[in-house]
Amino acid sequence: MTEQVVGLGEYDFNVAVYVAKAPPMPYFETLQSIEPVINEQINTINQHCGNGWRKVFNIYAKVLFALPSEHYSFAKQADSWQAYRDKFLLQKNSKTALLFSAPDTTITCPDKATSNKNQLHIIAGRTHVKNLLQQGKLHAQFDWLDDEFAIDTTNNIIVCPYFDYRQLSNIKIARLSELVAHLKGTK
């Protein structure tokens, strides 16, 4: 039996980022599904949960903006990653998700007959992915490229450093984009 998919954004995503924990707010303690961000919710999370969550949202927008434009159109939707974050990230029709549950590469979208094998799954943090594997919540075969990046081409999963400026710098965001291009090139 698969775990319930929980997080922010859309169930019918093109790109999902997986983090170990939800924002420490009462609302998220009872969240049992994926819900799109509404009414400045990212700003509210930032105000209540601090700089760590601000970094997660900022880096998520920067990653989307850096993805290869021949495969993803996120950078074409706004003039900057900041504008994208504020107007589109994790909102309805954004094709993005920030998930607090384990990756499920067999997700069947409600309006589709089959699972979306073109979905990109990015797991933020080596410790997070190792915990998922040890707990049996993730079945993947990773090719570890170094201590920070791993790829599973069969399931469209990339492991990268956690979404923090020190861990996932601009240079590492560029590397992540290159890995996505490689992943797309193998399909």
N, C-alpha and C. Protein backbone atom coordinates (compact mmCIF):
# COMPACT_ATOMS: atom_id res chain seq x y z
N MET A 1 0.84 -1.19 0.00
CA MET A 1 0.00 0.00 0.00
C MET A 1 0.89 1.25 0.00
N THR A 2 0.53 2.19 -0.83
CA THR A 2 1.34 3.41 -0.90
C THR A 2 0.89 4.41 0.16
N GLU A 3 1.82 5.22 0.55
CA GLU A 3 1.58 6.26 1.54
C GLU A 3 0.75 7.38 0.93
N GLN A 4 -0.05 8.04 1.74
CA GLN A 4 -0.84 9.18 1.29
C GLN A 4 0.10 10.29 0.81
N VAL A 5 -0.19 10.90 -0.34
CA VAL A 5 0.63 11.97 -0.89
C VAL A 5 0.19 13.28 -0.23
N VAL A 6 1.14 13.93 0.46
CA VAL A 6 0.83 15.13 1.25
C VAL A 6 1.78 16.25 0.89
N GLY A 7 1.22 17.45 0.69
CA GLY A 7 2.08 18.59 0.44
C GLY A 7 1.34 19.77 -0.15
N LEU A 8 2.12 20.67 -0.72
CA LEU A 8 1.59 21.88 -1.35
C LEU A 8 1.77 21.79 -2.85
N GLY A 9 0.83 22.34 -3.58
CA GLY A 9 0.94 22.37 -5.04
C GLY A 9 -0.15 21.57 -5.69
N GLU A 10 0.25 20.84 -6.75
CA GLU A 10 -0.72 20.10 -7.55
C GLU A 10 -0.40 18.62 -7.59
N TYR A 11 -1.44 17.82 -7.58
CA TYR A 11 -1.29 16.38 -7.72
C TYR A 11 -0.78 16.04 -9.11
N ASP A 12 -1.21 16.79 -10.10
CA ASP A 12 -0.80 16.59 -11.50
C ASP A 12 0.42 17.47 -11.78
N PHE A 13 1.53 17.15 -11.14
CA PHE A 13 2.73 17.98 -11.25
C PHE A 13 3.66 17.49 -12.36
N ASN A 14 4.49 18.40 -12.85
CA ASN A 14 5.61 18.03 -13.72
C ASN A 14 6.88 17.90 -12.89
N VAL A 15 7.00 18.74 -11.85
CA VAL A 15 8.17 18.73 -10.97
C VAL A 15 7.69 18.71 -9.52
N ALA A 16 8.21 17.75 -8.77
CA ALA A 16 7.93 17.70 -7.33
C ALA A 16 9.25 17.69 -6.58
N VAL A 17 9.30 18.45 -5.51
CA VAL A 17 10.44 18.45 -4.60
C VAL A 17 9.94 17.83 -3.30
N TYR A 18 10.77 16.94 -2.74
CA TYR A 18 10.42 16.22 -1.52
C TYR A 18 11.33 16.67 -0.39
N VAL A 19 10.71 17.09 0.70
CA VAL A 19 11.45 17.46 1.91
C VAL A 19 10.95 16.59 3.06
N ALA A 20 11.77 16.46 4.10
CA ALA A 20 11.47 15.53 5.19
C ALA A 20 10.29 15.96 6.04
N LYS A 21 10.09 17.26 6.21
CA LYS A 21 9.07 17.73 7.16
C LYS A 21 8.27 18.88 6.57
N ALA A 22 7.04 18.97 7.01
CA ALA A 22 6.16 20.08 6.65
C ALA A 22 6.50 21.29 7.52
N PRO A 23 6.06 22.48 7.11
CA PRO A 23 6.28 23.64 7.97
C PRO A 23 5.65 23.39 9.35
N PRO A 24 6.33 23.81 10.42
CA PRO A 24 5.81 23.56 11.77
C PRO A 24 4.69 24.53 12.14
N MET A 25 3.53 24.29 11.53
CA MET A 25 2.34 25.09 11.79
C MET A 25 1.17 24.13 11.99
N PRO A 26 0.22 24.47 12.87
CA PRO A 26 -0.90 23.56 13.15
C PRO A 26 -1.63 23.09 11.88
N TYR A 27 -1.81 23.95 10.92
CA TYR A 27 -2.52 23.59 9.69
C TYR A 27 -1.88 22.38 9.01
N PHE A 28 -0.57 22.33 8.96
CA PHE A 28 0.13 21.27 8.25
C PHE A 28 0.19 19.96 9.04
N GLU A 29 -0.05 20.03 10.34
CA GLU A 29 -0.05 18.82 11.17
C GLU A 29 -1.20 17.88 10.80
N THR A 30 -2.27 18.42 10.24
CA THR A 30 -3.44 17.61 9.88
C THR A 30 -3.63 17.49 8.37
N LEU A 31 -2.75 18.06 7.59
CA LEU A 31 -2.86 18.00 6.13
C LEU A 31 -2.73 16.55 5.68
N GLN A 32 -3.67 16.12 4.82
CA GLN A 32 -3.66 14.72 4.38
C GLN A 32 -3.72 14.58 2.86
N SER A 33 -3.45 15.67 2.15
CA SER A 33 -3.50 15.62 0.69
C SER A 33 -2.58 16.70 0.12
N ILE A 34 -2.64 16.88 -1.16
CA ILE A 34 -1.91 17.97 -1.80
C ILE A 34 -2.89 19.11 -2.00
N GLU A 35 -2.50 20.30 -1.57
CA GLU A 35 -3.36 21.47 -1.73
C GLU A 35 -2.58 22.60 -2.37
N PRO A 36 -3.17 23.29 -3.34
CA PRO A 36 -2.47 24.42 -3.94
C PRO A 36 -2.32 25.58 -2.95
N VAL A 37 -1.25 26.32 -3.11
CA VAL A 37 -1.00 27.50 -2.30
C VAL A 37 -2.03 28.57 -2.68
N ILE A 38 -2.56 29.25 -1.68
CA ILE A 38 -3.53 30.32 -1.93
C ILE A 38 -3.23 31.52 -1.04
N ASN A 39 -3.69 32.67 -1.47
CA ASN A 39 -3.70 33.89 -0.64
C ASN A 39 -2.42 34.15 0.15
N GLU A 40 -1.30 34.29 -0.53
CA GLU A 40 -0.06 34.65 0.15
C GLU A 40 0.38 33.61 1.18
N GLN A 41 0.01 32.34 0.98
CA GLN A 41 0.33 31.30 1.95
C GLN A 41 1.84 31.12 2.13
N ILE A 42 2.61 31.26 1.05
CA ILE A 42 4.06 31.14 1.16
C ILE A 42 4.60 32.22 2.09
N ASN A 43 4.09 33.44 1.94
CA ASN A 43 4.49 34.55 2.81
C ASN A 43 4.15 34.26 4.27
N THR A 44 2.98 33.70 4.50
CA THR A 44 2.55 33.37 5.86
C THR A 44 3.49 32.31 6.46
N ILE A 45 3.82 31.29 5.67
CA ILE A 45 4.75 30.26 6.16
C ILE A 45 6.10 30.90 6.50
N ASN A 46 6.58 31.75 5.61
CA ASN A 46 7.86 32.43 5.85
C ASN A 46 7.83 33.23 7.16
N GLN A 47 6.74 33.95 7.40
CA GLN A 47 6.64 34.78 8.60
C GLN A 47 6.58 33.94 9.87
N HIS A 48 5.87 32.81 9.82
CA HIS A 48 5.69 31.99 11.01
C HIS A 48 6.82 30.97 11.24
N CYS A 49 7.48 30.56 10.17
CA CYS A 49 8.44 29.46 10.29
C CYS A 49 9.89 29.87 10.07
N GLY A 50 10.11 31.11 9.72
CA GLY A 50 11.47 31.61 9.66
C GLY A 50 12.19 31.47 8.33
N ASN A 51 13.46 31.83 8.40
CA ASN A 51 14.31 31.95 7.22
C ASN A 51 14.53 30.62 6.50
N GLY A 52 14.51 29.52 7.22
CA GLY A 52 14.72 28.21 6.61
C GLY A 52 13.67 27.91 5.55
N TRP A 53 12.43 28.21 5.83
CA TRP A 53 11.37 27.98 4.85
C TRP A 53 11.42 28.99 3.72
N ARG A 54 11.81 30.22 4.01
CA ARG A 54 11.99 31.22 2.95
C ARG A 54 13.01 30.71 1.94
N LYS A 55 14.09 30.10 2.45
CA LYS A 55 15.12 29.54 1.56
C LYS A 55 14.56 28.41 0.70
N VAL A 56 13.75 27.55 1.29
CA VAL A 56 13.17 26.44 0.52
C VAL A 56 12.37 26.98 -0.66
N PHE A 57 11.51 27.94 -0.42
CA PHE A 57 10.68 28.48 -1.50
C PHE A 57 11.52 29.25 -2.52
N ASN A 58 12.47 30.03 -2.05
CA ASN A 58 13.33 30.79 -2.97
C ASN A 58 14.14 29.84 -3.86
N ILE A 59 14.74 28.84 -3.26
CA ILE A 59 15.57 27.92 -4.03
C ILE A 59 14.71 27.08 -4.97
N TYR A 60 13.52 26.71 -4.54
CA TYR A 60 12.63 25.96 -5.43
C TYR A 60 12.36 26.79 -6.69
N ALA A 61 12.03 28.07 -6.52
CA ALA A 61 11.78 28.94 -7.68
C ALA A 61 13.04 29.08 -8.54
N LYS A 62 14.20 29.22 -7.91
CA LYS A 62 15.46 29.33 -8.66
C LYS A 62 15.73 28.05 -9.45
N VAL A 63 15.48 26.90 -8.85
CA VAL A 63 15.68 25.62 -9.54
C VAL A 63 14.76 25.54 -10.76
N LEU A 64 13.49 25.86 -10.59
CA LEU A 64 12.56 25.80 -11.72
C LEU A 64 13.00 26.73 -12.84
N PHE A 65 13.48 27.90 -12.47
CA PHE A 65 13.93 28.87 -13.47
C PHE A 65 15.17 28.39 -14.20
N ALA A 66 15.97 27.52 -13.56
CA ALA A 66 17.21 27.03 -14.15
C ALA A 66 17.03 25.76 -14.99
N LEU A 67 15.86 25.14 -14.91
CA LEU A 67 15.66 23.89 -15.64
C LEU A 67 15.74 24.12 -17.15
N PRO A 68 16.17 23.12 -17.90
CA PRO A 68 16.33 23.27 -19.36
C PRO A 68 15.02 23.70 -20.03
N SER A 69 15.08 24.82 -20.73
CA SER A 69 13.86 25.40 -21.33
C SER A 69 13.27 24.54 -22.43
N GLU A 70 14.07 23.64 -23.00
CA GLU A 70 13.51 22.76 -24.02
C GLU A 70 12.59 21.68 -23.41
N HIS A 71 12.66 21.52 -22.09
CA HIS A 71 11.82 20.53 -21.42
C HIS A 71 10.80 21.16 -20.46
N TYR A 72 11.08 22.34 -19.97
CA TYR A 72 10.22 22.99 -18.99
C TYR A 72 10.03 24.46 -19.34
N SER A 73 8.82 24.98 -19.10
CA SER A 73 8.52 26.36 -19.47
C SER A 73 8.37 27.30 -18.28
N PHE A 74 8.84 26.89 -17.11
CA PHE A 74 8.67 27.72 -15.91
C PHE A 74 9.29 29.11 -16.09
N ALA A 75 10.48 29.20 -16.68
CA ALA A 75 11.17 30.49 -16.85
C ALA A 75 10.48 31.38 -17.86
N LYS A 76 9.60 30.82 -18.67
CA LYS A 76 8.88 31.61 -19.67
C LYS A 76 7.62 32.25 -19.08
N GLN A 77 7.26 31.88 -17.87
CA GLN A 77 6.02 32.36 -17.27
C GLN A 77 6.19 33.65 -16.47
N ALA A 78 7.41 34.04 -16.18
CA ALA A 78 7.65 35.26 -15.38
C ALA A 78 9.00 35.84 -15.75
N ASP A 79 9.20 37.10 -15.38
CA ASP A 79 10.44 37.80 -15.72
C ASP A 79 11.62 37.41 -14.83
N SER A 80 11.34 36.88 -13.66
CA SER A 80 12.41 36.52 -12.72
C SER A 80 11.93 35.36 -11.86
N TRP A 81 12.88 34.71 -11.20
CA TRP A 81 12.48 33.62 -10.31
C TRP A 81 11.65 34.15 -9.14
N GLN A 82 11.92 35.40 -8.73
CA GLN A 82 11.14 35.99 -7.63
C GLN A 82 9.68 36.18 -8.05
N ALA A 83 9.48 36.68 -9.27
CA ALA A 83 8.12 36.87 -9.77
C ALA A 83 7.42 35.52 -9.93
N TYR A 84 8.17 34.52 -10.40
CA TYR A 84 7.59 33.19 -10.54
C TYR A 84 7.15 32.67 -9.17
N ARG A 85 8.02 32.80 -8.17
CA ARG A 85 7.71 32.35 -6.80
C ARG A 85 6.41 32.99 -6.31
N ASP A 86 6.29 34.30 -6.51
CA ASP A 86 5.16 35.04 -5.97
C ASP A 86 3.86 34.82 -6.74
N LYS A 87 3.95 34.55 -8.05
CA LYS A 87 2.74 34.46 -8.87
C LYS A 87 2.31 33.05 -9.23
N PHE A 88 3.25 32.08 -9.21
CA PHE A 88 2.92 30.75 -9.73
C PHE A 88 3.30 29.57 -8.84
N LEU A 89 4.41 29.65 -8.13
CA LEU A 89 4.95 28.49 -7.42
C LEU A 89 3.91 27.82 -6.53
N LEU A 90 3.68 26.54 -6.76
CA LEU A 90 2.82 25.68 -5.96
C LEU A 90 1.34 26.07 -6.01
N GLN A 91 0.98 26.96 -6.91
CA GLN A 91 -0.41 27.36 -7.04
C GLN A 91 -1.14 26.46 -8.03
N LYS A 92 -2.43 26.59 -8.10
CA LYS A 92 -3.24 25.81 -9.04
C LYS A 92 -2.73 26.06 -10.46
N ASN A 93 -2.62 24.99 -11.23
CA ASN A 93 -2.13 25.01 -12.62
C ASN A 93 -0.65 25.32 -12.75
N SER A 94 0.11 25.23 -11.66
CA SER A 94 1.54 25.52 -11.71
C SER A 94 2.35 24.31 -12.18
N LYS A 95 1.77 23.12 -12.08
CA LYS A 95 2.47 21.87 -12.41
C LYS A 95 3.65 21.62 -11.47
N THR A 96 3.58 22.15 -10.24
CA THR A 96 4.64 21.97 -9.25
C THR A 96 4.05 21.44 -7.94
N ALA A 97 4.90 20.77 -7.17
CA ALA A 97 4.48 20.28 -5.86
C ALA A 97 5.68 20.29 -4.91
N LEU A 98 5.41 20.57 -3.66
CA LEU A 98 6.38 20.45 -2.57
C LEU A 98 5.77 19.42 -1.63
N LEU A 99 6.37 18.23 -1.60
CA LEU A 99 5.74 17.12 -0.91
C LEU A 99 6.49 16.74 0.37
N PHE A 100 5.70 16.43 1.39
CA PHE A 100 6.21 16.05 2.70
C PHE A 100 6.12 14.54 2.91
N SER A 101 5.62 13.85 1.91
CA SER A 101 5.50 12.39 1.94
C SER A 101 6.59 11.79 1.05
N ALA A 102 6.69 10.49 1.06
CA ALA A 102 7.70 9.81 0.24
C ALA A 102 7.34 9.87 -1.24
N PRO A 103 8.33 9.88 -2.11
CA PRO A 103 8.05 9.88 -3.55
C PRO A 103 7.28 8.62 -3.97
N ASP A 104 6.27 8.83 -4.79
CA ASP A 104 5.52 7.73 -5.38
C ASP A 104 5.60 7.91 -6.89
N THR A 105 6.44 7.14 -7.52
CA THR A 105 6.64 7.29 -8.96
C THR A 105 5.55 6.60 -9.77
N THR A 106 4.57 6.05 -9.09
CA THR A 106 3.46 5.40 -9.79
C THR A 106 2.17 6.21 -9.67
N ILE A 107 2.29 7.47 -9.30
CA ILE A 107 1.10 8.31 -9.12
C ILE A 107 0.29 8.33 -10.41
N THR A 108 -0.98 8.07 -10.26
CA THR A 108 -1.90 8.21 -11.38
C THR A 108 -2.73 9.46 -11.10
N CYS A 109 -2.63 10.42 -11.99
CA CYS A 109 -3.35 11.66 -11.80
C CYS A 109 -4.85 11.41 -11.99
N PRO A 110 -5.69 12.11 -11.22
CA PRO A 110 -7.13 11.86 -11.27
C PRO A 110 -7.72 11.97 -12.68
N ASP A 111 -7.18 12.86 -13.51
CA ASP A 111 -7.75 13.06 -14.85
C ASP A 111 -6.98 12.30 -15.93
N LYS A 112 -6.14 11.36 -15.55
CA LYS A 112 -5.36 10.58 -16.51
C LYS A 112 -5.57 9.10 -16.27
N ALA A 113 -5.45 8.32 -17.32
CA ALA A 113 -5.64 6.88 -17.21
C ALA A 113 -4.37 6.18 -16.74
N THR A 114 -3.21 6.78 -16.95
CA THR A 114 -1.95 6.14 -16.57
C THR A 114 -1.10 7.10 -15.76
N SER A 115 -0.08 6.55 -15.14
CA SER A 115 0.84 7.38 -14.37
C SER A 115 1.67 8.25 -15.31
N ASN A 116 2.16 9.36 -14.80
CA ASN A 116 2.93 10.29 -15.60
C ASN A 116 4.41 9.99 -15.44
N LYS A 117 4.97 9.25 -16.39
CA LYS A 117 6.38 8.88 -16.33
C LYS A 117 7.30 10.05 -16.64
N ASN A 118 6.75 11.17 -17.05
CA ASN A 118 7.57 12.35 -17.33
C ASN A 118 7.70 13.26 -16.12
N GLN A 119 7.12 12.86 -15.00
CA GLN A 119 7.25 13.67 -13.80
C GLN A 119 8.69 13.60 -13.29
N LEU A 120 9.20 14.75 -12.87
CA LEU A 120 10.53 14.84 -12.29
C LEU A 120 10.38 14.88 -10.78
N HIS A 121 11.11 14.00 -10.10
CA HIS A 121 11.09 13.93 -8.64
C HIS A 121 12.46 14.35 -8.13
N ILE A 122 12.50 15.41 -7.33
CA ILE A 122 13.75 15.90 -6.75
C ILE A 122 13.66 15.72 -5.23
N ILE A 123 14.54 14.91 -4.70
CA ILE A 123 14.57 14.70 -3.26
C ILE A 123 15.65 15.60 -2.69
N ALA A 124 15.26 16.48 -1.79
CA ALA A 124 16.18 17.46 -1.21
C ALA A 124 16.84 16.89 0.03
N GLY A 125 18.11 16.51 -0.12
CA GLY A 125 18.89 16.07 1.02
C GLY A 125 19.24 14.60 1.01
N ARG A 126 20.52 14.32 1.13
CA ARG A 126 21.04 12.95 1.17
C ARG A 126 20.49 12.20 2.39
N THR A 127 20.45 12.86 3.54
CA THR A 127 19.93 12.21 4.75
C THR A 127 18.47 11.82 4.57
N HIS A 128 17.68 12.70 3.93
CA HIS A 128 16.27 12.41 3.71
C HIS A 128 16.10 11.17 2.84
N VAL A 129 16.84 11.09 1.73
CA VAL A 129 16.69 9.93 0.84
C VAL A 129 17.17 8.65 1.53
N LYS A 130 18.24 8.73 2.29
CA LYS A 130 18.73 7.53 2.98
C LYS A 130 17.71 7.04 4.01
N ASN A 131 17.06 7.97 4.71
CA ASN A 131 16.01 7.58 5.66
C ASN A 131 14.83 6.92 4.95
N LEU A 132 14.42 7.48 3.80
CA LEU A 132 13.32 6.89 3.03
C LEU A 132 13.66 5.47 2.59
N LEU A 133 14.88 5.27 2.13
CA LEU A 133 15.32 3.94 1.69
C LEU A 133 15.35 2.96 2.86
N GLN A 134 15.90 3.39 4.00
CA GLN A 134 16.00 2.52 5.17
C GLN A 134 14.63 2.14 5.72
N GLN A 135 13.67 3.07 5.62
CA GLN A 135 12.32 2.82 6.12
C GLN A 135 11.46 2.04 5.13
N GLY A 136 12.01 1.76 3.95
CA GLY A 136 11.26 1.03 2.94
C GLY A 136 10.17 1.85 2.27
N LYS A 137 10.26 3.18 2.38
CA LYS A 137 9.25 4.06 1.79
C LYS A 137 9.60 4.48 0.37
N LEU A 138 10.78 4.09 -0.10
CA LEU A 138 11.23 4.45 -1.44
C LEU A 138 11.95 3.25 -2.04
N HIS A 139 11.55 2.91 -3.24
CA HIS A 139 12.19 1.82 -3.97
C HIS A 139 12.81 2.42 -5.22
N ALA A 140 14.12 2.59 -5.17
CA ALA A 140 14.84 3.22 -6.28
C ALA A 140 16.25 2.65 -6.33
N GLN A 141 16.83 2.75 -7.50
CA GLN A 141 18.22 2.32 -7.71
C GLN A 141 19.02 3.55 -8.09
N PHE A 142 19.71 4.11 -7.12
CA PHE A 142 20.44 5.35 -7.35
C PHE A 142 21.87 5.11 -7.81
N ASP A 143 22.28 5.90 -8.76
CA ASP A 143 23.69 6.00 -9.15
C ASP A 143 24.21 7.24 -8.44
N TRP A 144 25.00 7.04 -7.38
CA TRP A 144 25.53 8.16 -6.62
C TRP A 144 26.70 8.76 -7.39
N LEU A 145 26.53 10.00 -7.82
CA LEU A 145 27.55 10.68 -8.62
C LEU A 145 28.66 11.24 -7.74
N ASP A 146 28.32 11.58 -6.50
CA ASP A 146 29.25 12.07 -5.49
C ASP A 146 28.51 12.03 -4.15
N ASP A 147 28.99 12.76 -3.16
CA ASP A 147 28.35 12.75 -1.84
C ASP A 147 27.02 13.49 -1.80
N GLU A 148 26.71 14.28 -2.84
CA GLU A 148 25.52 15.14 -2.79
C GLU A 148 24.46 14.83 -3.84
N PHE A 149 24.87 14.32 -5.00
CA PHE A 149 23.94 14.10 -6.10
C PHE A 149 23.84 12.63 -6.46
N ALA A 150 22.61 12.20 -6.71
CA ALA A 150 22.35 10.84 -7.17
C ALA A 150 21.21 10.90 -8.18
N ILE A 151 21.15 9.88 -9.03
CA ILE A 151 20.12 9.86 -10.06
C ILE A 151 19.59 8.44 -10.23
N ASP A 152 18.29 8.34 -10.42
CA ASP A 152 17.63 7.09 -10.78
C ASP A 152 16.90 7.38 -12.08
N THR A 153 17.49 6.99 -13.20
CA THR A 153 16.92 7.32 -14.52
C THR A 153 15.63 6.56 -14.79
N THR A 154 15.46 5.40 -14.20
CA THR A 154 14.24 4.62 -14.41
C THR A 154 13.02 5.33 -13.84
N ASN A 155 13.16 5.91 -12.66
CA ASN A 155 12.03 6.54 -11.97
C ASN A 155 12.02 8.06 -12.02
N ASN A 156 12.94 8.65 -12.79
CA ASN A 156 13.02 10.12 -12.91
C ASN A 156 13.22 10.80 -11.56
N ILE A 157 14.14 10.26 -10.77
CA ILE A 157 14.42 10.83 -9.45
C ILE A 157 15.86 11.35 -9.42
N ILE A 158 16.01 12.55 -8.89
CA ILE A 158 17.33 13.12 -8.65
C ILE A 158 17.41 13.50 -7.18
N VAL A 159 18.51 13.13 -6.55
CA VAL A 159 18.78 13.54 -5.18
C VAL A 159 19.78 14.69 -5.27
N CYS A 160 19.51 15.75 -4.54
CA CYS A 160 20.41 16.91 -4.51
C CYS A 160 20.54 17.40 -3.08
N PRO A 161 21.45 18.35 -2.83
CA PRO A 161 21.54 18.91 -1.49
C PRO A 161 20.22 19.57 -1.07
N TYR A 162 20.04 19.70 0.24
CA TYR A 162 18.85 20.34 0.78
C TYR A 162 18.74 21.77 0.26
N PHE A 163 17.53 22.27 0.18
CA PHE A 163 17.27 23.60 -0.38
C PHE A 163 17.64 24.70 0.62
N ASP A 164 18.92 24.91 0.74
CA ASP A 164 19.51 25.94 1.60
C ASP A 164 20.63 26.56 0.79
N TYR A 165 20.83 27.87 0.92
CA TYR A 165 21.82 28.58 0.08
C TYR A 165 23.23 27.99 0.21
N ARG A 166 23.62 27.57 1.41
CA ARG A 166 24.96 27.00 1.58
C ARG A 166 25.07 25.61 0.97
N GLN A 167 24.00 24.85 1.06
CA GLN A 167 24.05 23.48 0.56
C GLN A 167 23.78 23.38 -0.94
N LEU A 168 22.80 24.14 -1.43
CA LEU A 168 22.47 24.12 -2.85
C LEU A 168 22.71 25.52 -3.42
N SER A 169 23.98 25.80 -3.65
CA SER A 169 24.41 27.10 -4.18
C SER A 169 24.00 27.24 -5.64
N ASN A 170 24.20 28.41 -6.21
CA ASN A 170 23.89 28.64 -7.62
C ASN A 170 24.66 27.69 -8.53
N ILE A 171 25.90 27.38 -8.19
CA ILE A 171 26.69 26.45 -8.99
C ILE A 171 26.07 25.05 -8.94
N LYS A 172 25.59 24.66 -7.77
CA LYS A 172 24.96 23.35 -7.64
C LYS A 172 23.57 23.32 -8.28
N ILE A 173 22.87 24.45 -8.30
CA ILE A 173 21.60 24.53 -9.03
C ILE A 173 21.86 24.31 -10.52
N ALA A 174 22.93 24.89 -11.03
CA ALA A 174 23.30 24.69 -12.44
C ALA A 174 23.60 23.20 -12.70
N ARG A 175 24.28 22.56 -11.76
CA ARG A 175 24.57 21.13 -11.91
C ARG A 175 23.28 20.32 -11.90
N LEU A 176 22.36 20.67 -11.03
CA LEU A 176 21.07 20.00 -10.98
C LEU A 176 20.35 20.12 -12.32
N SER A 177 20.40 21.31 -12.91
CA SER A 177 19.79 21.54 -14.22
C SER A 177 20.44 20.65 -15.28
N GLU A 178 21.76 20.50 -15.23
CA GLU A 178 22.47 19.62 -16.16
C GLU A 178 22.04 18.17 -15.98
N LEU A 179 21.83 17.76 -14.74
CA LEU A 179 21.38 16.39 -14.48
C LEU A 179 19.97 16.16 -15.02
N VAL A 180 19.13 17.18 -14.91
CA VAL A 180 17.77 17.08 -15.47
C VAL A 180 17.84 16.94 -16.98
N ALA A 181 18.71 17.74 -17.62
CA ALA A 181 18.88 17.64 -19.08
C ALA A 181 19.37 16.24 -19.45
N HIS A 182 20.30 15.69 -18.67
CA HIS A 182 20.79 14.34 -18.91
C HIS A 182 19.66 13.33 -18.76
N LEU A 183 18.88 13.47 -17.70
CA LEU A 183 17.77 12.57 -17.45
C LEU A 183 16.78 12.61 -18.60
N LYS A 184 16.45 13.81 -19.07
CA LYS A 184 15.52 13.96 -20.19
C LYS A 184 16.10 13.39 -21.48
N GLY A 185 17.42 13.49 -21.61
CA GLY A 185 18.09 12.98 -22.81
C GLY A 185 18.15 11.47 -22.87
N THR A 186 17.96 10.80 -21.71
CA THR A 186 18.00 9.35 -21.69
C THR A 186 16.66 8.72 -21.97
N LYS A 187 15.63 9.54 -22.09
CA LYS A 187 14.27 9.00 -22.32
C LYS A 187 13.97 8.87 -23.79
